[in-house]
Amino acid sequence: MSSNENIEGEIKTLKQRVHAAARDGRAISIFAMLWNLSSDLVDEVLDFHTSENGQITTPLIIACRNGEEKVVSILVSKFKINLEQTGTVKFDGFVLEGATALWCAAGAGHLGIVKLLLECGADVNHATKTNSTPLRAACFDGRLDVVQCLVEHGADISIPNKYNNTCLMITSYKGHAEVVRYLLEKGANPDSTAHCGATAMHFAAECGHLEVVQDLVRFYGKQIPNDYGMTPLLVAAECGQSSVVEFLTTKVDYSA
């Protein structure tokens, strides 16, 4: 075996070891492996994507996905790491391509890491390939603290995903009333429509989230028909959501 092959093998092993250490939260090990290497080699190691268990991630992305805050702190403070690296990660049974470290931290609810990345200049609106932003990831799981942090750092609450589904829509569908209320207070439009013509109220009505429906109405959300001619009231009735039907019936203008 040539000396070049030996060197390539050692670098490959180093990449594997650093990724495993990042995944498992061994921050000191990462520093020990990288601190005396050339900047070019460090960049090569930290930019390398490892495929494992259906995910394709760099050390920073897997550390953020797993909530390893000490690892993230070492990587962003001791090395000139690219915060906008993207990878492929799994969340709640979905495979997300083009996810950044911030997106992963927000989606997993790791507030400390979210704050750290934002303080270091991470792009708060960097979206995945389906145009899902870090804010949308936080809204999906109803993490009000993470949502507030992202918005305070400039997250755009109006950016929809590729289906024109907004952050307000996904959090209404999931029934996260506190997050819905916060987004509405920050100016989210309750009457924005997805490509299917549905509003946030349609999604909340379908799932029987009465408190969410009430807040949407309180913020002047209208009973707009979707592309199939179904209003939120009709959607709630079709889905057997009696409490929502009872409430929305009192809000219909039958004289119109």
Foldseek 3Di string as FASTA:
>chain_A
DDPVVVVVVVLVVLLVVLLVCLLVLVQVVNCVSPVPDDLVSVQVSQLAWDDDPNKTDGSLQSNLLNLNQSNNCSPLPRHVYDQQRWIWDDDPNDIFGRDTSLLNNLLNVNQVSNVVSVVSPHDQLRATPQSQGSLLSNLLVLNQSSNVVSVVSPHDQCGAGNQSQGSLQNNLLVLNLVNNLVVVVVPDDQCRAGNQQDGSLLSNLLVLNQSSNVSSVVSVRDQDQTNVRHTSLNNNVVNVNVVNVVVVVVVDDPVD
